[in-house]
C-alpha cells in the first residue's frame, strides 16, 4: 500500500495517511507508535541522503486493547500550546500504513461531515486491526 501525504488528492482535499512506527522490540502494538504523515522529505547529512517524514503523534489510551472491540484506542498528542505534537522520523522506522476509525460516542455526525475531516474531527480512534491480515498481525 502507498502511504500518502499530499495537500490535494485527485483535485480534492488533502490526504495524510497514518502509519505504524517501530518504537521498540516489544511484540505487537506495544512495540509501535501510531502517527499521521504530514510531509515526506529528505536530508543530506555527512554526504548521506536520509529519507524522512514529518509526523503528528498519537498515544495509546490505556495499556490494553478495548474490551468490547479488541482494538487499541489512540488519541492525538498535543503540546503545551494546544498544537498537535509533531516529530521527524527516518523512513526506516515506518512499518506500514495504519487505519484509524473515529470513536463516535452517542451523538450523530453532521449531515455535511466528510470522511476527509475524520482525523481532525474525533478525539480518539480505534486502531483497526481488522483492516487486513498484516494489520491483524501487528495491532494485537
Protein backbone atom coordinates (compact mmCIF):
# COMPACT_ATOMS: atom_id res chain seq x y z
CA UNK A 1 0.00 0.00 0.00
CA UNK A 2 1.15 3.51 -0.72
CA UNK A 3 1.39 5.98 2.10
CA UNK A 4 0.36 9.46 1.02
CA UNK A 5 0.98 12.96 2.32
CA UNK A 6 -0.38 15.47 -0.15
CA UNK A 7 -2.29 18.76 0.25
CA UNK A 8 -4.60 17.86 -2.66
CA UNK A 9 -5.59 14.35 -3.68
CA UNK A 10 -7.29 13.87 -7.08
CA UNK A 11 -8.09 17.61 -7.26
CA UNK A 12 -9.84 17.42 -3.89
CA UNK A 13 -8.89 17.82 -0.23
CA UNK A 14 -5.56 16.65 1.13
CA UNK A 15 -4.70 13.07 2.01
CA UNK A 16 -2.46 12.46 5.03
CA UNK A 17 -2.22 8.75 5.82
CA UNK A 18 -1.50 7.14 9.18
CA UNK A 19 1.33 4.72 9.85
CA UNK A 20 2.70 2.28 12.39
CA UNK A 21 6.14 3.42 13.58
CA UNK A 22 8.56 0.97 15.16
CA UNK A 23 9.19 2.04 18.76
CA UNK A 24 11.00 -0.86 20.45
CA UNK A 25 11.38 -4.63 20.40
CA UNK A 26 8.10 -5.37 22.21
CA UNK A 27 5.66 -7.58 20.32
CA UNK A 28 2.63 -6.28 18.51
CA UNK A 29 1.18 -2.86 19.18
CA UNK A 30 3.17 -2.45 22.39
CA UNK A 31 6.25 -2.00 20.20
CA UNK A 32 4.61 0.58 17.95
CA UNK A 33 3.57 4.19 17.81
CA UNK A 34 0.86 5.49 15.50
CA UNK A 35 1.46 8.68 13.55
CA UNK A 36 -0.09 10.73 10.75
CA UNK A 37 2.29 11.64 7.94
CA UNK A 38 2.19 15.34 7.07
CA UNK A 39 5.23 15.56 4.77
CA UNK A 40 7.86 13.37 3.12
CA UNK A 41 11.29 14.90 2.58
CA UNK A 42 14.96 14.03 2.65
CA UNK A 43 18.05 15.47 4.29
CA UNK A 44 21.69 15.09 3.40
CA UNK A 45 23.96 14.61 6.40
CA UNK A 46 27.67 13.94 6.05
CA UNK A 47 27.13 13.01 2.42
CA UNK A 48 24.34 10.53 3.10
CA UNK A 49 20.77 11.05 1.95
CA UNK A 50 18.28 10.39 4.73
CA UNK A 51 14.61 9.90 3.72
CA UNK A 52 12.35 11.32 6.44
CA UNK A 53 8.77 12.12 7.31
CA UNK A 54 7.21 14.86 9.40
CA UNK A 55 4.56 13.15 11.53
CA UNK A 56 1.90 14.02 14.09
CA UNK A 57 1.87 11.60 17.02
CA UNK A 58 -0.90 9.58 18.65
CA UNK A 59 -0.70 7.89 22.06
CA UNK A 60 -2.41 4.74 23.23
CA UNK A 61 -5.29 5.11 25.68
CA UNK A 62 -4.61 2.54 28.39
CA UNK A 63 -2.32 -0.47 28.40
CA UNK A 64 -4.64 -2.98 26.74
CA UNK A 65 -6.95 -3.09 23.71
CA UNK A 66 -10.57 -2.03 24.15
CA UNK A 67 -12.51 -4.82 25.84
CA UNK A 68 -15.55 -4.57 23.52
CA UNK A 69 -13.81 -4.34 20.13
CA UNK A 70 -10.40 -5.90 20.73
CA UNK A 71 -8.85 -2.83 19.10
CA UNK A 72 -6.40 -0.40 20.67
CA UNK A 73 -7.59 3.17 21.11
CA UNK A 74 -5.29 6.11 20.41
CA UNK A 75 -5.71 9.84 20.80
CA UNK A 76 -3.80 12.73 19.22
CA UNK A 77 -0.88 14.15 21.19
CA UNK A 78 -0.80 17.90 21.84
CA UNK A 79 1.97 20.19 23.07
CA UNK A 80 1.61 22.73 25.88
CA UNK A 81 0.20 25.32 23.41
CA UNK A 82 -2.60 23.00 22.28
CA UNK A 83 -0.98 22.28 18.90
CA UNK A 84 -0.53 18.76 17.53
CA UNK A 85 2.71 17.19 18.73
CA UNK A 86 4.96 16.53 15.74
CA UNK A 87 8.32 14.98 15.04
CA UNK A 88 10.67 13.91 12.27
CA UNK A 89 11.35 10.21 11.72
CA UNK A 90 13.58 8.23 9.36
CA UNK A 91 11.54 6.21 6.87
CA UNK A 92 13.26 3.02 8.09
CA UNK A 93 11.11 3.33 11.24
CA UNK A 94 7.87 3.06 9.23
CA UNK A 95 6.39 -0.43 9.49
CA UNK A 96 3.31 0.02 7.27
CA UNK A 97 0.11 2.02 6.86
CA UNK A 98 -2.37 2.12 9.74
CA UNK A 99 -6.14 2.51 9.52
CA UNK A 100 -7.86 4.56 12.23
CA UNK A 101 -11.61 4.64 12.92
CA UNK A 102 -13.07 7.56 14.86
CA UNK A 103 -14.60 6.77 18.25
CA UNK A 104 -18.02 8.35 17.79
CA UNK A 105 -19.75 8.26 21.14
CA UNK A 106 -23.51 8.67 21.26
CA UNK A 107 -24.03 11.73 19.04
CA UNK A 108 -24.71 11.69 15.31
CA UNK A 109 -22.29 13.07 12.77
CA UNK A 110 -23.47 16.19 10.94
CA UNK A 111 -25.02 15.56 7.51
CA UNK A 112 -22.26 17.60 5.84
CA UNK A 113 -19.46 15.60 7.51
CA UNK A 114 -16.78 14.48 5.07
CA UNK A 115 -14.54 11.44 5.51
CA UNK A 116 -11.55 13.65 4.73
CA UNK A 117 -12.16 15.51 8.01
CA UNK A 118 -12.12 12.38 10.18
CA UNK A 119 -8.57 12.62 11.54
CA UNK A 120 -9.21 16.21 12.64
CA UNK A 121 -12.74 15.73 13.95
CA UNK A 122 -12.52 12.92 16.51
CA UNK A 123 -10.85 13.00 19.92
CA UNK A 124 -9.96 9.28 19.85
CA UNK A 125 -9.58 6.50 17.29
CA UNK A 126 -9.69 2.73 17.12
CA UNK A 127 -6.59 1.21 15.52
CA UNK A 128 -8.28 -1.09 13.03
CA UNK A 129 -6.60 -4.47 13.32
CA UNK A 130 -9.28 -5.93 11.05
CA UNK A 131 -8.29 -3.84 8.00
CA UNK A 132 -6.20 -6.71 6.60
CA UNK A 133 -4.08 -9.69 7.58
CA UNK A 134 -0.93 -7.61 8.15
CA UNK A 135 -2.68 -5.11 10.43
CA UNK A 136 -4.11 -8.02 12.42
CA UNK A 137 -0.60 -9.40 12.91
CA UNK A 138 0.69 -6.01 14.12
CA UNK A 139 -2.08 -4.49 16.22
CA UNK A 140 -2.71 -7.29 18.72
